[in-house]
Amino acid sequence: MENSSGCFDSPTGYIKSLVEQFRSTGTLPPGIDREDILSIDIDPHQWYRLETELGLGETDKFPKFFYDPLVSRLSVEWMALPLHELVVEIFSSGLYDATRHIKSKCSIRTNEQFQQHKDNNYVTTLKAPDLALLSGKKVLILEVGFSQTYEQLVDTAKFWLEGSLDVTRVVIVKITEPKYSCPLKNAGISMLQSLGFPTDDWDIESQFCLESGFGPVTLGTTKWVGEINMFLEHVCEATPPTLPLSLSDFLEVDADDNRNIVIDWEEFHGKLKEDLLKTAILRYQDMLDRCYGREENVCRVKETPSRE
């Protein structure tokens, strides 16, 4: 999503207002979807100042920031959907099992910031991958994209490979869904009630229908999650490994220490059904919050006395 900062004195002022609102209320202004990646062009000096003013090194996991000095662009990710977190969890579990016997020689990190230093363009850039496997000076990076496009994921992979001496391979996992748009984004509470849709959090889950193990998820005739697909790709400076993956594909390990990296797809499919429903519920609750917010604003306007 491109920026809409026209009514602000500067792009940094726009970003600061969004971040401050999100931190205090967990919400964003109308027209900005929390699932979208916000991209805005700012120069390096503006980024360094913004980084200091917002105390970005001290923030929680979200919002997540990534500044690319090659194109002077800041990207802001507001949230991760359950599907995104599930993929990170399942790959982390596979790597943990494969490295359990050599845990003194490697470690698995999630959402830890790394500084880029191979190329001067990246010398002051910090980024937190979804998952990193560290062994000596070798690093394997996993990046999972749901809100990001495939092209953005590939750019992120190139960023890691070109900006760090230690990153030798990057695995990207792209989760695809037909373009989502809230089916009831302009509805009011009275309209929802007339349609028989829930207007509070009570027993929402039981009203959704998961049509298959990969979606879609529907409520009546409305669709809240589309059918999900997923693919994995290696981006590396050498020839990509073939399946099944093993530790030696990514790290320098002795033959006796080499193990296959086994992903428990049965566990994944079981949890996927739960997370598809969670995603639908999150989207529905977000729609409800916006409905009630609009009605509260209307009530305030009506109650505001006129000035004579």
C-alpha atoms as a PDB file:
ATOM      1  CA  MET A   1       0.000   0.000   0.000  1.00  0.00           C
ATOM      2  CA  GLU A   2       1.431   3.366  -0.971  1.00  0.00           C
ATOM      3  CA  ASN A   3       1.305   6.310   1.420  1.00  0.00           C
ATOM      4  CA  SER A   4      -1.509   8.865   1.690  1.00  0.00           C
ATOM      5  CA  SER A   5       0.371  11.583   3.524  1.00  0.00           C
ATOM      6  CA  GLY A   6      -0.839  14.597   1.528  1.00  0.00           C
ATOM      7  CA  CYS A   7      -2.447  16.365   4.516  1.00  0.00           C
ATOM      8  CA  PHE A   8       0.746  16.225   6.629  1.00  0.00           C
ATOM      9  CA  ASP A   9       3.716  18.579   6.546  1.00  0.00           C
ATOM     10  CA  SER A  10       6.136  15.683   5.981  1.00  0.00           C
ATOM     11  CA  PRO A  11       6.104  11.928   5.408  1.00  0.00           C
ATOM     12  CA  THR A  12       7.704  11.433   8.825  1.00  0.00           C
ATOM     13  CA  GLY A  13       4.885  13.377  10.472  1.00  0.00           C
ATOM     14  CA  TYR A  14       2.402  11.063   8.783  1.00  0.00           C
ATOM     15  CA  ILE A  15       4.221   7.921   9.922  1.00  0.00           C
ATOM     16  CA  LYS A  16       4.567   9.256  13.484  1.00  0.00           C
ATOM     17  CA  SER A  17       0.833   9.934  13.705  1.00  0.00           C
ATOM     18  CA  LEU A  18       0.002   6.413  12.493  1.00  0.00           C
ATOM     19  CA  VAL A  19       2.467   4.727  14.841  1.00  0.00           C
ATOM     20  CA  GLU A  20       1.339   6.764  17.853  1.00  0.00           C
ATOM     21  CA  GLN A  21      -2.313   5.944  17.148  1.00  0.00           C
ATOM     22  CA  PHE A  22      -1.521   2.257  16.636  1.00  0.00           C
ATOM     23  CA  ARG A  23       0.518   2.032  19.829  1.00  0.00           C
ATOM     24  CA  SER A  24      -2.142   3.711  21.948  1.00  0.00           C
ATOM     25  CA  THR A  25      -5.319   2.174  20.483  1.00  0.00           C
ATOM     26  CA  GLY A  26      -4.271  -0.739  18.248  1.00  0.00           C
ATOM     27  CA  THR A  27      -6.181   0.901  15.405  1.00  0.00           C
ATOM     28  CA  LEU A  28      -5.413   2.816  12.210  1.00  0.00           C
ATOM     29  CA  PRO A  29      -7.385   5.577  10.468  1.00  0.00           C
ATOM     30  CA  PRO A  30     -10.201   4.619   8.066  1.00  0.00           C
ATOM     31  CA  GLY A  31      -8.862   3.524   4.698  1.00  0.00           C
ATOM     32  CA  ILE A  32      -5.706   1.912   6.101  1.00  0.00           C
ATOM     33  CA  ASP A  33      -5.924  -1.851   6.515  1.00  0.00           C
ATOM     34  CA  ARG A  34      -3.764  -3.415   9.224  1.00  0.00           C
ATOM     35  CA  GLU A  35      -3.049  -6.347   6.916  1.00  0.00           C
ATOM     36  CA  ASP A  36      -1.433  -4.139   4.271  1.00  0.00           C
ATOM     37  CA  ILE A  37       2.225  -3.169   4.153  1.00  0.00           C
ATOM     38  CA  LEU A  38       2.523   0.613   4.188  1.00  0.00           C
ATOM     39  CA  SER A  39       5.316   1.908   1.924  1.00  0.00           C
ATOM     40  CA  ILE A  40       6.498   5.503   1.998  1.00  0.00           C
ATOM     41  CA  ASP A  41       9.467   7.305   0.440  1.00  0.00           C
ATOM     42  CA  ILE A  42      11.714   9.159   2.885  1.00  0.00           C
ATOM     43  CA  ASP A  43      15.377  10.100   2.676  1.00  0.00           C
ATOM     44  CA  PRO A  44      17.983   8.522   5.009  1.00  0.00           C
ATOM     45  CA  HIS A  45      18.205  11.586   7.278  1.00  0.00           C
ATOM     46  CA  GLN A  46      14.444  11.540   7.803  1.00  0.00           C
ATOM     47  CA  TRP A  47      14.604   7.828   8.598  1.00  0.00           C
ATOM     48  CA  TYR A  48      17.401   8.223  11.171  1.00  0.00           C
ATOM     49  CA  ARG A  49      15.485  11.019  12.889  1.00  0.00           C
ATOM     50  CA  LEU A  50      12.221   9.042  12.845  1.00  0.00           C
ATOM     51  CA  GLU A  51      14.000   5.968  14.201  1.00  0.00           C
ATOM     52  CA  THR A  52      15.225   8.006  17.180  1.00  0.00           C
ATOM     53  CA  GLU A  53      11.982   9.889  17.822  1.00  0.00           C
ATOM     54  CA  LEU A  54       9.876   6.728  17.861  1.00  0.00           C
ATOM     55  CA  GLY A  55      12.412   4.675  19.810  1.00  0.00           C
ATOM     56  CA  LEU A  56      12.135   1.898  17.253  1.00  0.00           C
ATOM     57  CA  GLY A  57      14.847  -0.194  18.845  1.00  0.00           C
ATOM     58  CA  GLU A  58      12.672  -0.452  21.962  1.00  0.00           C
ATOM     59  CA  THR A  59       9.297  -1.214  20.407  1.00  0.00           C
ATOM     60  CA  ASP A  60       7.298  -4.413  20.605  1.00  0.00           C
ATOM     61  CA  LYS A  61       7.160  -6.924  17.772  1.00  0.00           C
ATOM     62  CA  PHE A  62       4.682  -4.755  15.817  1.00  0.00           C
ATOM     63  CA  PRO A  63       4.644  -2.459  14.043  1.00  0.00           C
ATOM     64  CA  LYS A  64       7.705  -3.783  12.234  1.00  0.00           C
ATOM     65  CA  PHE A  65       9.885  -1.379  10.211  1.00  0.00           C
ATOM     66  CA  PHE A  66      12.250  -1.938   7.315  1.00  0.00           C
ATOM     67  CA  TYR A  67      14.143   0.879   5.630  1.00  0.00           C
ATOM     68  CA  ASP A  68      15.850   0.192   2.301  1.00  0.00           C
ATOM     69  CA  PRO A  69      18.438   2.928   1.657  1.00  0.00           C
ATOM     70  CA  LEU A  70      18.984   1.806  -1.935  1.00  0.00           C
ATOM     71  CA  VAL A  71      15.544   3.132  -2.895  1.00  0.00           C
ATOM     72  CA  SER A  72      14.950   5.408   0.134  1.00  0.00           C
ATOM     73  CA  ARG A  73      11.765   3.569   1.051  1.00  0.00           C
ATOM     74  CA  LEU A  74      10.313   2.711   4.454  1.00  0.00           C
ATOM     75  CA  SER A  75       7.948  -0.242   4.803  1.00  0.00           C
ATOM     76  CA  VAL A  76       5.757  -0.681   7.866  1.00  0.00           C
ATOM     77  CA  GLU A  77       4.088  -3.979   8.749  1.00  0.00           C
ATOM     78  CA  TRP A  78       1.296  -3.583  11.307  1.00  0.00           C
ATOM     79  CA  MET A  79       0.440  -7.161  12.178  1.00  0.00           C
ATOM     80  CA  ALA A  80       1.005 -10.813  11.348  1.00  0.00           C
ATOM     81  CA  LEU A  81      -2.002 -13.001  10.717  1.00  0.00           C
ATOM     82  CA  PRO A  82      -2.218 -16.441  12.388  1.00  0.00           C
ATOM     83  CA  LEU A  83      -1.350 -18.114   9.063  1.00  0.00           C
ATOM     84  CA  HIS A  84       1.956 -16.257   8.923  1.00  0.00           C
ATOM     85  CA  GLU A  85       2.837 -17.215  12.491  1.00  0.00           C
ATOM     86  CA  LEU A  86       1.898 -20.843  11.870  1.00  0.00           C
ATOM     87  CA  VAL A  87       4.381 -21.181   8.995  1.00  0.00           C
ATOM     88  CA  VAL A  88       7.162 -19.635  11.092  1.00  0.00           C
ATOM     89  CA  GLU A  89       6.277 -21.977  13.968  1.00  0.00           C
ATOM     90  CA  ILE A  90       6.252 -25.136  11.852  1.00  0.00           C
ATOM     91  CA  PHE A  91       9.610 -24.358  10.210  1.00  0.00           C
ATOM     92  CA  SER A  92      11.123 -23.382  13.551  1.00  0.00           C
ATOM     93  CA  SER A  93       9.990 -26.719  14.990  1.00  0.00           C
ATOM     94  CA  GLY A  94      11.549 -28.627  12.050  1.00  0.00           C
ATOM     95  CA  LEU A  95      14.851 -26.802  12.433  1.00  0.00           C
ATOM     96  CA  TYR A  96      14.854 -27.322  16.188  1.00  0.00           C
ATOM     97  CA  ASP A  97      14.378 -31.070  15.810  1.00  0.00           C
ATOM     98  CA  ALA A  98      17.120 -31.255  13.165  1.00  0.00           C
ATOM     99  CA  THR A  99      19.626 -29.319  15.284  1.00  0.00           C
ATOM    100  CA  ARG A 100      18.743 -30.703  18.726  1.00  0.00           C
ATOM    101  CA  HIS A 101      21.910 -32.843  18.789  1.00  0.00           C
ATOM    102  CA  ILE A 102      24.175 -29.877  17.943  1.00  0.00           C
ATOM    103  CA  LYS A 103      22.359 -27.142  19.892  1.00  0.00           C
ATOM    104  CA  SER A 104      25.667 -26.022  21.394  1.00  0.00           C
ATOM    105  CA  LYS A 105      26.889 -25.176  17.873  1.00  0.00           C
ATOM    106  CA  CYS A 106      23.858 -23.295  16.549  1.00  0.00           C
ATOM    107  CA  SER A 107      20.831 -21.326  17.644  1.00  0.00           C
ATOM    108  CA  ILE A 108      17.409 -20.419  16.273  1.00  0.00           C
ATOM    109  CA  ARG A 109      16.226 -16.812  16.548  1.00  0.00           C
ATOM    110  CA  THR A 110      12.874 -15.266  15.690  1.00  0.00           C
ATOM    111  CA  ASN A 111      12.325 -11.553  15.080  1.00  0.00           C
ATOM    112  CA  GLU A 112      15.792 -10.568  16.249  1.00  0.00           C
ATOM    113  CA  GLN A 113      17.307  -7.546  14.555  1.00  0.00           C
ATOM    114  CA  PHE A 114      20.444  -7.964  12.452  1.00  0.00           C
ATOM    115  CA  GLN A 115      22.658  -5.183  11.166  1.00  0.00           C
ATOM    116  CA  GLN A 116      23.751  -5.226   7.539  1.00  0.00           C
ATOM    117  CA  HIS A 117      27.406  -4.499   6.840  1.00  0.00           C
ATOM    118  CA  LYS A 118      28.726  -6.053   3.613  1.00  0.00           C
ATOM    119  CA  ASP A 119      27.630  -3.179   1.405  1.00  0.00           C
ATOM    120  CA  ASN A 120      28.015   0.445   2.514  1.00  0.00           C
ATOM    121  CA  ASN A 121      24.439   1.060   1.404  1.00  0.00           C
ATOM    122  CA  TYR A 122      23.254  -1.158   4.253  1.00  0.00           C
ATOM    123  CA  VAL A 123      25.694  -0.125   6.961  1.00  0.00           C
ATOM    124  CA  THR A 124      23.074   1.492   9.226  1.00  0.00           C
ATOM    125  CA  THR A 125      20.140  -0.723   8.314  1.00  0.00           C
ATOM    126  CA  LEU A 126      18.545  -3.023  10.877  1.00  0.00           C
ATOM    127  CA  LYS A 127      16.068  -5.732   9.962  1.00  0.00           C
ATOM    128  CA  ALA A 128      14.425  -8.575  11.857  1.00  0.00           C
ATOM    129  CA  PRO A 129      13.812 -11.730   9.794  1.00  0.00           C
ATOM    130  CA  ASP A 130      10.934 -14.033  10.648  1.00  0.00           C
ATOM    131  CA  LEU A 131      13.426 -16.743  11.582  1.00  0.00           C
ATOM    132  CA  ALA A 132      17.202 -17.126  11.547  1.00  0.00           C
ATOM    133  CA  LEU A 133      19.380 -20.206  12.091  1.00  0.00           C
ATOM    134  CA  LEU A 134      22.876 -19.246  13.235  1.00  0.00           C
ATOM    135  CA  SER A 135      25.849 -21.594  13.163  1.00  0.00           C
ATOM    136  CA  GLY A 136      29.245 -20.017  13.601  1.00  0.00           C
ATOM    137  CA  LYS A 137      29.396 -17.268  11.009  1.00  0.00           C
ATOM    138  CA  LYS A 138      26.792 -18.866   8.733  1.00  0.00           C
ATOM    139  CA  VAL A 139      23.178 -17.709   8.823  1.00  0.00           C
ATOM    140  CA  LEU A 140      20.074 -19.176   7.211  1.00  0.00           C
ATOM    141  CA  ILE A 141      17.168 -16.742   6.925  1.00  0.00           C
ATOM    142  CA  LEU A 142      13.475 -17.627   6.620  1.00  0.00           C
ATOM    143  CA  GLU A 143      11.060 -14.955   5.419  1.00  0.00           C
ATOM    144  CA  VAL A 144       7.321 -15.658   5.260  1.00  0.00           C
ATOM    145  CA  GLY A 145       5.052 -13.438   3.211  1.00  0.00           C
ATOM    146  CA  PHE A 146       1.298 -13.102   3.383  1.00  0.00           C
ATOM    147  CA  SER A 147       0.734  -9.365   3.069  1.00  0.00           C
ATOM    148  CA  GLN A 148       3.925  -9.016   0.993  1.00  0.00           C
ATOM    149  CA  THR A 149       3.908  -9.714  -2.709  1.00  0.00           C
ATOM    150  CA  TYR A 150       6.227 -12.336  -4.167  1.00  0.00           C
ATOM    151  CA  GLU A 151       8.374  -9.563  -5.652  1.00  0.00           C
ATOM    152  CA  GLN A 152       8.716  -7.919  -2.231  1.00  0.00           C
ATOM    153  CA  LEU A 153       9.812 -11.240  -0.726  1.00  0.00           C
ATOM    154  CA  VAL A 154      12.458 -11.715  -3.414  1.00  0.00           C
ATOM    155  CA  ASP A 155      13.710  -8.162  -2.823  1.00  0.00           C
ATOM    156  CA  THR A 156      13.949  -8.953   0.892  1.00  0.00           C
ATOM    157  CA  ALA A 157      15.943 -12.102   0.134  1.00  0.00           C
ATOM    158  CA  LYS A 158      18.339 -10.130  -2.065  1.00  0.00           C
ATOM    159  CA  PHE A 159      18.668  -7.566   0.698  1.00  0.00           C
ATOM    160  CA  TRP A 160      19.862 -10.279   3.079  1.00  0.00           C
ATOM    161  CA  LEU A 161      22.274 -11.857   0.605  1.00  0.00           C
ATOM    162  CA  GLU A 162      23.754  -8.599  -0.659  1.00  0.00           C
ATOM    163  CA  GLY A 163      23.823  -6.798   2.680  1.00  0.00           C
ATOM    164  CA  SER A 164      25.421  -9.401   4.936  1.00  0.00           C
ATOM    165  CA  LEU A 165      28.607 -11.442   4.779  1.00  0.00           C
ATOM    166  CA  ASP A 166      27.112 -14.126   7.004  1.00  0.00           C
ATOM    167  CA  VAL A 167      23.783 -14.872   5.279  1.00  0.00           C
ATOM    168  CA  THR A 168      24.435 -17.701   2.827  1.00  0.00           C
ATOM    169  CA  ARG A 169      20.887 -18.781   2.021  1.00  0.00           C
ATOM    170  CA  VAL A 170      17.395 -17.391   2.285  1.00  0.00           C
ATOM    171  CA  VAL A 171      14.235 -19.466   2.193  1.00  0.00           C
ATOM    172  CA  ILE A 172      11.073 -17.594   1.305  1.00  0.00           C
ATOM    173  CA  VAL A 173       7.598 -18.957   1.856  1.00  0.00           C
ATOM    174  CA  LYS A 174       4.786 -17.168   0.068  1.00  0.00           C
ATOM    175  CA  ILE A 175       1.217 -17.660   1.298  1.00  0.00           C
ATOM    176  CA  THR A 176      -1.290 -16.706  -1.360  1.00  0.00           C
ATOM    177  CA  GLU A 177      -4.964 -15.872  -1.068  1.00  0.00           C
ATOM    178  CA  PRO A 178      -7.304 -14.299  -3.607  1.00  0.00           C
ATOM    179  CA  LYS A 179      -7.317 -10.555  -2.952  1.00  0.00           C
ATOM    180  CA  TYR A 180      -9.268 -10.002   0.256  1.00  0.00           C
ATOM    181  CA  SER A 181     -11.714  -7.167   0.643  1.00  0.00           C
ATOM    182  CA  CYS A 182     -14.051  -6.922   3.606  1.00  0.00           C
ATOM    183  CA  PRO A 183     -17.472  -7.996   2.283  1.00  0.00           C
ATOM    184  CA  LEU A 184     -19.322  -5.779   4.776  1.00  0.00           C
ATOM    185  CA  LYS A 185     -16.959  -2.821   5.110  1.00  0.00           C
ATOM    186  CA  ASN A 186     -19.734  -0.218   4.740  1.00  0.00           C
ATOM    187  CA  ALA A 187     -22.347  -2.040   6.825  1.00  0.00           C
ATOM    188  CA  GLY A 188     -23.868  -0.594   9.977  1.00  0.00           C
ATOM    189  CA  ILE A 189     -24.868  -2.461  13.122  1.00  0.00           C
ATOM    190  CA  SER A 190     -28.561  -2.366  12.224  1.00  0.00           C
ATOM    191  CA  MET A 191     -27.803  -3.857   8.796  1.00  0.00           C
ATOM    192  CA  LEU A 192     -25.774  -6.674  10.382  1.00  0.00           C
ATOM    193  CA  GLN A 193     -28.624  -7.414  12.770  1.00  0.00           C
ATOM    194  CA  SER A 194     -31.148  -7.499   9.943  1.00  0.00           C
ATOM    195  CA  LEU A 195     -28.942 -10.000   8.089  1.00  0.00           C
ATOM    196  CA  GLY A 196     -28.688 -12.166  11.185  1.00  0.00           C
ATOM    197  CA  PHE A 197     -24.939 -11.601  11.543  1.00  0.00           C
ATOM    198  CA  PRO A 198     -23.383 -11.408  15.039  1.00  0.00           C
ATOM    199  CA  THR A 199     -22.815  -7.925  16.460  1.00  0.00           C
ATOM    200  CA  ASP A 200     -20.679  -8.898  19.455  1.00  0.00           C
ATOM    201  CA  ASP A 201     -17.926 -11.391  20.222  1.00  0.00           C
ATOM    202  CA  TRP A 202     -20.222 -14.032  21.658  1.00  0.00           C
ATOM    203  CA  ASP A 203     -20.138 -17.340  19.789  1.00  0.00           C
ATOM    204  CA  ILE A 204     -18.765 -15.858  16.564  1.00  0.00           C
ATOM    205  CA  GLU A 205     -16.609 -18.883  15.752  1.00  0.00           C
ATOM    206  CA  SER A 206     -19.491 -21.352  15.517  1.00  0.00           C
ATOM    207  CA  GLN A 207     -21.141 -19.250  12.815  1.00  0.00           C
ATOM    208  CA  PHE A 208     -18.276 -19.491  10.345  1.00  0.00           C
ATOM    209  CA  CYS A 209     -18.008 -22.341   7.866  1.00  0.00           C
ATOM    210  CA  LEU A 210     -14.630 -23.765   6.798  1.00  0.00           C
ATOM    211  CA  GLU A 211     -15.367 -25.262   3.385  1.00  0.00           C
ATOM    212  CA  SER A 212     -12.101 -27.240   3.042  1.00  0.00           C
ATOM    213  CA  GLY A 213      -8.759 -27.687   4.776  1.00  0.00           C
ATOM    214  CA  PHE A 214      -7.334 -24.738   2.820  1.00  0.00           C
ATOM    215  CA  GLY A 215     -10.413 -22.506   2.883  1.00  0.00           C
ATOM    216  CA  PRO A 216     -12.412 -20.593   2.026  1.00  0.00           C
ATOM    217  CA  VAL A 217     -14.097 -19.533   5.274  1.00  0.00           C
ATOM    218  CA  THR A 218     -17.586 -18.107   4.894  1.00  0.00           C
ATOM    219  CA  LEU A 219     -20.327 -16.581   7.010  1.00  0.00           C
ATOM    220  CA  GLY A 220     -23.635 -16.972   5.240  1.00  0.00           C
ATOM    221  CA  THR A 221     -23.013 -15.788   1.693  1.00  0.00           C
ATOM    222  CA  THR A 222     -19.995 -13.631   2.665  1.00  0.00           C
ATOM    223  CA  LYS A 223     -16.376 -14.795   2.349  1.00  0.00           C
ATOM    224  CA  TRP A 224     -13.842 -13.862   5.051  1.00  0.00           C
ATOM    225  CA  VAL A 225     -10.849 -15.952   3.987  1.00  0.00           C
ATOM    226  CA  GLY A 226     -10.177 -17.186   0.475  1.00  0.00           C
ATOM    227  CA  GLU A 227      -8.622 -20.492  -0.509  1.00  0.00           C
ATOM    228  CA  ILE A 228      -5.013 -20.580   0.674  1.00  0.00           C
ATOM    229  CA  ASN A 229      -1.993 -21.778  -1.305  1.00  0.00           C
ATOM    230  CA  MET A 230       1.641 -21.808  -0.291  1.00  0.00           C
ATOM    231  CA  PHE A 231       4.975 -22.320  -2.019  1.00  0.00           C
ATOM    232  CA  LEU A 232       8.589 -22.395  -0.883  1.00  0.00           C
ATOM    233  CA  GLU A 233      11.605 -21.093  -2.783  1.00  0.00           C
ATOM    234  CA  HIS A 234      15.343 -20.785  -2.143  1.00  0.00           C
ATOM    235  CA  VAL A 235      17.183 -17.608  -2.985  1.00  0.00           C
ATOM    236  CA  CYS A 236      20.923 -18.132  -2.717  1.00  0.00           C
ATOM    237  CA  GLU A 237      24.249 -17.468  -4.350  1.00  0.00           C
ATOM    238  CA  ALA A 238      24.755 -21.153  -5.137  1.00  0.00           C
ATOM    239  CA  THR A 239      22.581 -23.839  -6.730  1.00  0.00           C
ATOM    240  CA  PRO A 240      19.391 -24.335  -4.661  1.00  0.00           C
ATOM    241  CA  PRO A 241      19.246 -27.697  -2.823  1.00  0.00           C
ATOM    242  CA  THR A 242      16.766 -30.408  -3.710  1.00  0.00           C
ATOM    243  CA  LEU A 243      14.198 -32.025  -1.438  1.00  0.00           C
ATOM    244  CA  PRO A 244      14.417 -33.353   1.188  1.00  0.00           C
ATOM    245  CA  LEU A 245      16.294 -30.487   2.806  1.00  0.00           C
ATOM    246  CA  SER A 246      19.158 -31.250   5.160  1.00  0.00           C
ATOM    247  CA  LEU A 247      21.322 -29.191   7.490  1.00  0.00           C
ATOM    248  CA  SER A 248      24.295 -29.467   5.119  1.00  0.00           C
ATOM    249  CA  ASP A 249      22.270 -27.586   2.492  1.00  0.00           C
ATOM    250  CA  PHE A 250      22.538 -24.482   4.653  1.00  0.00           C
ATOM    251  CA  LEU A 251      25.263 -24.952   7.250  1.00  0.00           C
ATOM    252  CA  GLU A 252      28.754 -26.337   7.518  1.00  0.00           C
ATOM    253  CA  VAL A 253      28.213 -29.549   9.511  1.00  0.00           C
ATOM    254  CA  ASP A 254      30.125 -32.792   9.834  1.00  0.00           C
ATOM    255  CA  ALA A 255      28.683 -35.792   8.027  1.00  0.00           C
ATOM    256  CA  ASP A 256      27.810 -37.403  11.370  1.00  0.00           C
ATOM    257  CA  ASP A 257      25.868 -34.314  12.415  1.00  0.00           C
ATOM    258  CA  ASN A 258      23.891 -33.927   9.206  1.00  0.00           C
ATOM    259  CA  ARG A 259      20.138 -34.439   9.518  1.00  0.00           C
ATOM    260  CA  ASN A 260      17.139 -33.978   7.261  1.00  0.00           C
ATOM    261  CA  ILE A 261      14.943 -30.994   8.078  1.00  0.00           C
ATOM    262  CA  VAL A 262      11.538 -32.595   8.477  1.00  0.00           C
ATOM    263  CA  ILE A 263       8.423 -30.433   8.400  1.00  0.00           C
ATOM    264  CA  ASP A 264       5.441 -32.016  10.154  1.00  0.00           C
ATOM    265  CA  TRP A 265       2.848 -31.357   7.473  1.00  0.00           C
ATOM    266  CA  GLU A 266       0.181 -33.344   9.329  1.00  0.00           C
ATOM    267  CA  GLU A 267       0.515 -31.017  12.300  1.00  0.00           C
ATOM    268  CA  PHE A 268       0.561 -28.054   9.923  1.00  0.00           C
ATOM    269  CA  HIS A 269      -2.687 -29.053   8.227  1.00  0.00           C
ATOM    270  CA  GLY A 270      -4.363 -29.614  11.592  1.00  0.00           C
ATOM    271  CA  LYS A 271      -3.369 -26.176  12.873  1.00  0.00           C
ATOM    272  CA  LEU A 272      -4.091 -24.566   9.517  1.00  0.00           C
ATOM    273  CA  LYS A 273      -7.814 -25.218   9.922  1.00  0.00           C
ATOM    274  CA  GLU A 274      -7.771 -23.499  13.311  1.00  0.00           C
ATOM    275  CA  ASP A 275      -5.820 -20.531  11.986  1.00  0.00           C
ATOM    276  CA  LEU A 276      -8.069 -20.063   8.963  1.00  0.00           C
ATOM    277  CA  LEU A 277     -10.986 -19.688  11.378  1.00  0.00           C
ATOM    278  CA  LYS A 278      -8.915 -17.358  13.597  1.00  0.00           C
ATOM    279  CA  THR A 279      -8.110 -15.197  10.576  1.00  0.00           C
ATOM    280  CA  ALA A 280     -11.780 -14.980   9.608  1.00  0.00           C
ATOM    281  CA  ILE A 281     -12.724 -14.031  13.175  1.00  0.00           C
ATOM    282  CA  LEU A 282     -10.004 -11.361  13.340  1.00  0.00           C
ATOM    283  CA  ARG A 283     -11.250  -9.829  10.114  1.00  0.00           C
ATOM    284  CA  TYR A 284     -14.852  -9.932  11.262  1.00  0.00           C
ATOM    285  CA  GLN A 285     -13.981  -8.375  14.632  1.00  0.00           C
ATOM    286  CA  ASP A 286     -12.032  -5.637  12.861  1.00  0.00           C
ATOM    287  CA  MET A 287     -15.106  -4.931  10.737  1.00  0.00           C
ATOM    288  CA  LEU A 288     -17.254  -4.781  13.904  1.00  0.00           C
ATOM    289  CA  ASP A 289     -14.834  -2.377  15.580  1.00  0.00           C
ATOM    290  CA  ARG A 290     -15.040  -0.072  12.587  1.00  0.00           C
ATOM    291  CA  CYS A 291     -18.859  -0.284  12.561  1.00  0.00           C
ATOM    292  CA  TYR A 292     -19.112   0.701  16.219  1.00  0.00           C
ATOM    293  CA  GLY A 293     -16.470   3.386  15.726  1.00  0.00           C
ATOM    294  CA  ARG A 294     -18.483   4.983  12.905  1.00  0.00           C
ATOM    295  CA  GLU A 295     -21.678   4.919  14.981  1.00  0.00           C
ATOM    296  CA  GLU A 296     -19.911   6.495  17.973  1.00  0.00           C
ATOM    297  CA  ASN A 297     -18.609   9.275  15.734  1.00  0.00           C
ATOM    298  CA  VAL A 298     -22.127   9.881  14.393  1.00  0.00           C
ATOM    299  CA  CYS A 299     -23.476  10.066  17.955  1.00  0.00           C
ATOM    300  CA  ARG A 300     -20.794  12.585  18.940  1.00  0.00           C
ATOM    301  CA  VAL A 301     -21.651  14.776  15.960  1.00  0.00           C
ATOM    302  CA  LYS A 302     -25.349  14.684  16.856  1.00  0.00           C
ATOM    303  CA  GLU A 303     -24.651  15.496  20.503  1.00  0.00           C
ATOM    304  CA  THR A 304     -22.287  18.398  19.757  1.00  0.00           C
ATOM    305  CA  PRO A 305     -24.209  21.639  20.426  1.00  0.00           C
ATOM    306  CA  SER A 306     -24.296  24.139  17.595  1.00  0.00           C
ATOM    307  CA  ARG A 307     -22.486  27.444  17.967  1.00  0.00           C
ATOM    308  CA  GLU A 308     -24.580  30.525  17.482  1.00  0.00           C
END
